């Protein structure tokens, strides 16, 4: 049968062979920000498993921007070498390597999930966190330091340098992380941004920092390569960032040259109330696509081939990104092709298992 999920998608000068993308998923397995063979196998197996786009986990633009001590980083030229190897393998499997650049802000300096996601102090290998305002994510934790003008300039400079290294490393898609309660989202949300300067208060002020990060990245990112921004479409909390503001921001990002909005939700505040269920975030991607005309990616509890096919075929989103489902099945692209009875190219080494 013909399948929209398995149709190619051209963005700028890059063609994705299908609409199946691997979401950035932290592995908490780096040392001092350096990738290792775990990342090669993890990312490489999703490429050989048939995905069109493989986006590397939230990669910190500075040491203090990491969520955990085990996060990947791209603040050091020496970190580039392993990424080159990983990206060359991804491309050898006819997939496109992407990177998500991130800064965790006040949600930084925590232990890995299997160590309890606990806030780390200096004696435990933690560090001082920064944010738009000096309010912690949890009431009982040490407050972050509110970024001053110099601090903001440092973050912008870090994103610019990280982008330059990303180009050298051979990434072909760039995603800026402005979701899930991390630093850029902290500026967007009135629940975490209580500033009274040009970065706080009005919608125009709260989006200013995100737009400045986009502009900083664009000074180093090639104009012919795709640029994505991941947003949380709503905070799922009263008085927080909301779907209307997400539409407005997406419209502006499109005007600024962003190619696709990767539409997630939540993460800004610990008291959020998320109504989890299959496709629960898809309506946000659909609305942004319809009201702005920008390409969108849908995420969240999308687990089956026919479900993903329907999202793309009905025009709700242009790309479907998979996280947990791709952890359960690294060969997601091959599995979905089989489920939809679509002919797709398998790695030669695996062809004898095709029938």
Protein backbone atom coordinates (compact mmCIF):
# COMPACT_ATOMS: atom_id res chain seq x y z
CA UNK A 1 0.00 0.00 0.00
CA UNK A 2 1.04 3.61 -0.36
CA UNK A 3 1.96 5.28 2.90
CA UNK A 4 2.30 8.92 3.84
CA UNK A 5 4.42 7.92 6.86
CA UNK A 6 6.93 6.36 4.47
CA UNK A 7 6.92 9.21 1.96
CA UNK A 8 10.04 11.41 1.82
CA UNK A 9 10.10 14.87 3.39
CA UNK A 10 12.28 17.60 1.89
CA UNK A 11 13.30 20.35 4.32
CA UNK A 12 15.75 22.89 2.92
CA UNK A 13 18.48 20.77 1.28
CA UNK A 14 17.87 17.65 3.36
CA UNK A 15 15.52 14.83 2.36
CA UNK A 16 14.28 12.51 5.09
CA UNK A 17 13.46 9.11 3.58
CA UNK A 18 10.35 8.83 5.77
CA UNK A 19 8.42 10.73 8.45
CA UNK A 20 9.71 8.61 11.35
CA UNK A 21 12.10 10.50 13.63
CA UNK A 22 13.82 9.42 16.83
CA UNK A 23 13.25 11.97 19.59
CA UNK A 24 16.20 13.19 21.64
CA UNK A 25 16.38 10.90 24.68
CA UNK A 26 18.91 11.40 27.46
CA UNK A 27 21.03 8.33 28.13
CA UNK A 28 22.79 9.68 31.25
CA UNK A 29 25.88 7.78 30.10
CA UNK A 30 28.43 10.44 29.14
CA UNK A 31 31.54 11.34 31.11
CA UNK A 32 32.39 15.06 31.20
CA UNK A 33 30.04 15.54 28.26
CA UNK A 34 31.90 13.08 26.02
CA UNK A 35 30.00 10.52 23.92
CA UNK A 36 31.15 6.90 23.99
CA UNK A 37 30.28 3.54 22.44
CA UNK A 38 26.94 3.41 24.25
CA UNK A 39 25.83 6.46 22.24
CA UNK A 40 27.24 4.99 19.02
CA UNK A 41 25.25 1.79 19.47
CA UNK A 42 22.10 3.51 20.79
CA UNK A 43 21.88 6.10 18.00
CA UNK A 44 23.35 3.85 15.32
CA UNK A 45 20.86 1.05 15.93
CA UNK A 46 17.91 3.42 15.46
CA UNK A 47 19.41 4.46 12.12
CA UNK A 48 19.90 0.86 10.97
CA UNK A 49 16.38 0.22 12.32
CA UNK A 50 14.81 2.32 9.61
CA UNK A 51 14.16 5.80 11.05
CA UNK A 52 14.56 8.71 8.66
CA UNK A 53 15.93 11.13 11.26
CA UNK A 54 17.85 10.36 14.45
CA UNK A 55 18.13 13.32 16.85
CA UNK A 56 20.80 13.09 19.52
CA UNK A 57 19.76 13.66 23.11
CA UNK A 58 19.62 17.11 24.69
CA UNK A 59 23.26 18.11 24.31
CA UNK A 60 24.43 20.78 26.73
CA UNK A 61 25.99 23.97 25.44
CA UNK A 62 27.92 24.37 28.72
CA UNK A 63 28.78 22.20 31.73
CA UNK A 64 26.23 24.01 33.89
CA UNK A 65 23.61 23.49 31.16
CA UNK A 66 23.54 19.71 31.67
CA UNK A 67 20.53 18.11 33.30
CA UNK A 68 22.76 15.51 34.96
CA UNK A 69 26.51 14.83 35.17
CA UNK A 70 25.90 12.05 32.62
CA UNK A 71 24.56 14.31 29.87
CA UNK A 72 26.26 14.80 26.52
CA UNK A 73 27.91 18.15 25.88
CA UNK A 74 29.29 20.12 22.98
CA UNK A 75 31.16 22.90 24.79
CA UNK A 76 34.61 21.47 24.06
CA UNK A 77 36.32 20.94 20.68
CA UNK A 78 37.58 17.55 21.87
CA UNK A 79 33.98 16.33 22.17
CA UNK A 80 33.51 16.56 18.39
CA UNK A 81 35.54 13.50 17.37
CA UNK A 82 33.12 10.85 18.65
CA UNK A 83 30.13 12.68 17.18
CA UNK A 84 31.78 12.55 13.76
CA UNK A 85 32.07 8.77 14.04
CA UNK A 86 28.44 8.38 15.18
CA UNK A 87 27.09 10.69 12.48
CA UNK A 88 29.03 8.95 9.73
CA UNK A 89 27.48 5.65 10.78
CA UNK A 90 23.97 7.15 10.90
CA UNK A 91 24.42 8.51 7.37
CA UNK A 92 25.78 5.16 6.16
CA UNK A 93 22.35 3.73 7.07
CA UNK A 94 20.58 6.31 4.87
CA UNK A 95 19.34 8.24 7.91
CA UNK A 96 19.93 11.88 8.85
CA UNK A 97 21.78 12.80 12.07
CA UNK A 98 20.33 15.64 14.13
CA UNK A 99 21.31 17.29 17.40
CA UNK A 100 19.23 19.00 20.06
CA UNK A 101 21.10 21.85 21.74
CA UNK A 102 19.97 22.52 25.29
CA UNK A 103 20.49 24.31 28.56
CA UNK A 104 18.65 22.90 31.57
CA UNK A 105 18.56 26.12 33.60
CA UNK A 106 17.02 25.54 37.02
CA UNK A 107 16.35 21.86 36.24
CA UNK A 108 20.10 21.16 35.97
CA UNK A 109 22.36 19.39 38.45
CA UNK A 110 20.25 16.31 39.18
CA UNK A 111 21.19 12.63 39.37
CA UNK A 112 20.26 10.07 36.69
CA UNK A 113 16.71 8.60 36.89
CA UNK A 114 18.04 5.30 38.22
CA UNK A 115 19.72 7.29 41.00
CA UNK A 116 16.48 9.04 41.94
CA UNK A 117 16.54 12.29 39.90
CA UNK A 118 17.76 14.04 43.06
CA UNK A 119 19.16 17.57 43.15
CA UNK A 120 22.94 17.32 43.56
CA UNK A 121 24.95 19.71 45.70
CA UNK A 122 28.64 20.47 45.25
CA UNK A 123 29.71 17.54 47.46
CA UNK A 124 27.78 15.16 45.18
CA UNK A 125 29.20 16.49 41.93
CA UNK A 126 26.48 19.10 41.43
CA UNK A 127 26.77 22.78 40.54
CA UNK A 128 25.06 26.15 40.89
CA UNK A 129 22.05 26.39 38.58
CA UNK A 130 20.84 29.49 36.73
CA UNK A 131 17.38 30.62 35.61
CA UNK A 132 15.44 33.72 34.57
CA UNK A 133 14.36 34.18 38.20
CA UNK A 134 15.63 32.84 41.51
CA UNK A 135 12.84 30.30 42.02
CA UNK A 136 13.48 26.56 42.26
CA UNK A 137 11.49 23.90 40.40
CA UNK A 138 10.72 22.30 43.76
CA UNK A 139 10.03 24.38 46.89
CA UNK A 140 12.53 22.47 49.00
CA UNK A 141 15.60 22.91 46.77
CA UNK A 142 18.29 25.56 46.64
CA UNK A 143 17.28 28.48 44.43
CA UNK A 144 18.93 29.05 41.07
CA UNK A 145 20.80 32.29 40.42
CA UNK A 146 18.83 34.73 38.25
CA UNK A 147 20.78 35.43 35.06
CA UNK A 148 22.07 38.97 34.75
CA UNK A 149 22.96 40.65 31.46
CA UNK A 150 26.42 39.02 31.38
CA UNK A 151 24.91 35.62 32.18
CA UNK A 152 22.44 35.94 29.32
CA UNK A 153 25.23 36.90 26.92
CA UNK A 154 27.25 33.89 28.04
CA UNK A 155 24.36 31.52 27.25
CA UNK A 156 23.92 33.10 23.80
CA UNK A 157 27.65 32.78 23.16
CA UNK A 158 27.55 29.14 24.31
CA UNK A 159 24.72 28.31 21.88
CA UNK A 160 26.64 29.99 19.04
CA UNK A 161 29.86 28.06 19.78
CA UNK A 162 27.95 24.80 20.20
CA UNK A 163 26.32 25.32 16.80
CA UNK A 164 29.71 25.84 15.17
CA UNK A 165 30.91 22.54 16.69
CA UNK A 166 27.69 20.82 15.59
CA UNK A 167 28.46 21.76 11.98
CA UNK A 168 32.02 20.45 12.35
CA UNK A 169 30.65 17.21 13.81
CA UNK A 170 28.49 16.59 10.74
CA UNK A 171 24.99 17.06 12.14
CA UNK A 172 22.47 17.84 9.39
CA UNK A 173 19.45 18.90 11.47
CA UNK A 174 19.55 21.32 14.40
CA UNK A 175 16.88 21.42 17.09
CA UNK A 176 16.82 24.13 19.77
CA UNK A 177 15.30 22.88 23.03
CA UNK A 178 12.74 25.41 24.29
CA UNK A 179 10.47 22.86 26.01
CA UNK A 180 10.06 20.67 29.10
CA UNK A 181 10.82 23.36 31.65
CA UNK A 182 14.44 23.87 30.63
CA UNK A 183 16.07 27.29 30.37
CA UNK A 184 14.37 28.72 27.27
CA UNK A 185 10.98 27.44 28.43
CA UNK A 186 11.68 28.97 31.86
CA UNK A 187 11.89 32.36 30.15
CA UNK A 188 8.69 31.71 28.15
CA UNK A 189 6.52 30.73 31.10
CA UNK A 190 5.11 33.40 33.49
CA UNK A 191 5.23 30.73 36.21
CA UNK A 192 9.04 30.61 36.17
CA UNK A 193 9.85 34.06 34.76
CA UNK A 194 9.14 36.88 37.22
CA UNK A 195 11.59 39.35 35.66
CA UNK A 196 10.75 43.03 35.37
CA UNK A 197 13.36 43.87 32.70
CA UNK A 198 13.08 43.41 28.92
CA UNK A 199 13.05 39.61 29.35
CA UNK A 200 9.96 39.40 31.59
CA UNK A 201 6.31 40.37 31.82
CA UNK A 202 4.74 40.73 28.38
CA UNK A 203 4.61 37.96 25.76
CA UNK A 204 7.09 39.94 23.62
CA UNK A 205 9.54 40.13 26.52
CA UNK A 206 9.19 36.48 27.55
CA UNK A 207 9.90 35.22 24.01
CA UNK A 208 12.87 37.59 23.56
CA UNK A 209 15.50 35.18 24.90
CA UNK A 210 14.32 32.28 22.71
CA UNK A 211 14.43 34.54 19.64
CA UNK A 212 17.94 35.66 20.59
CA UNK A 213 19.06 32.03 20.91
CA UNK A 214 17.59 31.25 17.48
CA UNK A 215 19.43 34.25 16.01
CA UNK A 216 22.71 33.20 17.69
CA UNK A 217 22.38 29.67 16.31
CA UNK A 218 21.58 31.00 12.83
CA UNK A 219 24.88 32.90 12.71
CA UNK A 220 26.68 29.52 12.59
CA UNK A 221 24.09 27.06 11.24
CA UNK A 222 24.11 26.72 7.41
CA UNK A 223 21.09 28.36 5.79
CA UNK A 224 20.46 25.27 3.63
CA UNK A 225 20.10 22.87 6.60
CA UNK A 226 16.89 22.37 8.63
CA UNK A 227 16.37 24.24 11.89
CA UNK A 228 13.77 22.94 14.38
CA UNK A 229 12.58 24.36 17.69
CA UNK A 230 10.99 22.11 20.31
CA UNK A 231 8.36 23.82 22.44
CA UNK A 232 5.98 22.82 25.19
CA UNK A 233 2.64 23.95 23.74
CA UNK A 234 1.12 24.35 27.21
CA UNK A 235 2.30 24.24 30.82
CA UNK A 236 -0.88 22.35 31.83
CA UNK A 237 -1.08 24.80 34.75
CA UNK A 238 -3.17 27.89 35.45
CA UNK A 239 -1.45 31.14 34.55
CA UNK A 240 1.26 29.36 32.57
CA UNK A 241 2.40 29.31 28.96
CA UNK A 242 -0.52 28.25 26.76
CA UNK A 243 -1.55 27.03 23.32
CA UNK A 244 -2.46 30.51 22.03
CA UNK A 245 1.00 31.81 22.89
CA UNK A 246 2.53 28.73 21.23
CA UNK A 247 0.71 29.56 17.99
CA UNK A 248 1.91 33.17 18.20
CA UNK A 249 5.50 32.13 18.89
CA UNK A 250 5.45 29.56 16.07
CA UNK A 251 4.26 32.23 13.62
CA UNK A 252 7.19 34.45 14.62
CA UNK A 253 9.68 31.56 14.48
CA UNK A 254 8.50 30.74 10.96
CA UNK A 255 9.10 34.38 9.94
CA UNK A 256 12.59 34.14 11.49
CA UNK A 257 13.48 31.13 9.32
CA UNK A 258 12.72 28.15 11.59
CA UNK A 259 11.57 25.18 9.51
CA UNK A 260 9.68 22.94 11.95
CA UNK A 261 8.12 23.12 15.41
CA UNK A 262 8.54 19.92 17.42
CA UNK A 263 5.43 20.12 19.59
CA UNK A 264 5.55 18.66 23.08
CA UNK A 265 4.03 19.97 26.34
CA UNK A 266 4.54 20.37 30.06
CA UNK A 267 7.62 20.34 32.25
CA UNK A 268 7.63 23.93 33.51
CA UNK A 269 6.19 23.39 36.98
CA UNK A 270 5.95 20.44 39.33
CA UNK A 271 2.21 20.97 39.97
CA UNK A 272 1.24 20.47 36.30
CA UNK A 273 -1.81 18.28 35.54
CA UNK A 274 -1.25 16.40 32.27
CA UNK A 275 -4.17 14.38 30.85
CA UNK A 276 -2.08 11.51 29.48
CA UNK A 277 -3.48 9.33 26.71
CA UNK A 278 -2.69 8.24 23.13
CA UNK A 279 -2.15 11.26 20.83
CA UNK A 280 -2.72 13.68 23.74
CA UNK A 281 -0.29 16.25 22.30
CA UNK A 282 -1.18 15.82 18.62
CA UNK A 283 -3.94 18.51 18.62
CA UNK A 284 -1.31 21.12 19.51
CA UNK A 285 0.85 20.13 16.52
CA UNK A 286 -2.24 20.13 14.31
CA UNK A 287 -3.34 23.58 15.46
CA UNK A 288 0.10 25.14 15.03
CA UNK A 289 0.42 23.64 11.54
CA UNK A 290 -3.06 24.82 10.49
CA UNK A 291 -2.83 28.33 11.96
CA UNK A 292 0.75 29.18 10.95
CA UNK A 293 1.58 26.97 7.96
CA UNK A 294 4.86 25.86 9.52
CA UNK A 295 5.89 22.19 9.47
CA UNK A 296 5.20 20.39 12.75
CA UNK A 297 6.35 17.24 14.50
CA UNK A 298 3.97 15.26 16.71
CA UNK A 299 5.11 13.41 19.85
CA UNK A 300 3.73 11.65 22.90
CA UNK A 301 2.20 8.19 23.40
CA UNK A 302 2.30 7.41 19.69
CA UNK A 303 3.11 3.72 19.68
CA UNK A 304 1.58 2.04 16.60
CA UNK A 305 2.17 2.21 12.86
CA UNK A 306 -1.45 2.89 11.87
CA UNK A 307 -1.70 5.58 14.54
CA UNK A 308 1.40 7.35 13.17
CA UNK A 309 0.19 6.88 9.59
CA UNK A 310 -3.14 8.56 10.39
CA UNK A 311 -1.43 11.57 11.99
CA UNK A 312 0.64 12.29 8.88
CA UNK A 313 -1.95 11.20 6.28
CA UNK A 314 -4.63 13.45 7.76
CA UNK A 315 -2.30 16.44 7.83
CA UNK A 316 -2.12 16.81 11.60
CA UNK A 317 1.70 16.86 11.50
CA UNK A 318 4.50 16.37 8.98
CA UNK A 319 6.77 14.21 11.13
CA UNK A 320 6.18 11.80 14.01
CA UNK A 321 8.86 11.60 16.69
CA UNK A 322 9.23 8.50 18.84
CA UNK A 323 10.92 8.23 22.23
CA UNK A 324 9.90 5.38 24.54
CA UNK A 325 8.51 3.28 21.70
CA UNK A 326 11.90 3.44 19.99
CA UNK A 327 13.58 2.36 23.24
CA UNK A 328 11.33 -0.70 23.19
CA UNK A 329 12.01 -1.33 19.50
CA UNK A 330 15.19 0.07 17.93
CA UNK A 331 13.96 -1.23 14.54
CA UNK A 332 10.85 0.93 14.61
CA UNK A 333 11.06 1.94 10.96
CA UNK A 334 11.35 -1.66 9.79
CA UNK A 335 8.57 -2.80 12.16
CA UNK A 336 6.18 -0.07 11.00
CA UNK A 337 6.91 -0.78 7.33
CA UNK A 338 5.97 -4.42 7.97
CA UNK A 339 2.80 -3.41 9.87
CA UNK A 340 1.70 -1.07 7.06
CA UNK A 341 2.78 -3.53 4.32
CA UNK A 342 5.13 -0.96 2.83
CA UNK A 343 8.27 -1.90 0.97
CA UNK A 344 11.33 -0.35 2.62
CA UNK A 345 15.08 -0.88 2.39
CA UNK A 346 16.53 -3.13 5.10
CA UNK A 347 20.20 -3.28 6.04
CA UNK A 348 21.72 -5.96 3.80
CA UNK A 349 22.92 -7.78 6.91
CA UNK A 350 19.31 -8.19 8.08
CA UNK A 351 17.53 -8.90 4.79
CA UNK A 352 17.20 -12.62 5.42
CA UNK A 353 14.83 -11.79 8.32
CA UNK A 354 12.57 -9.67 6.12
CA UNK A 355 10.06 -12.37 5.17
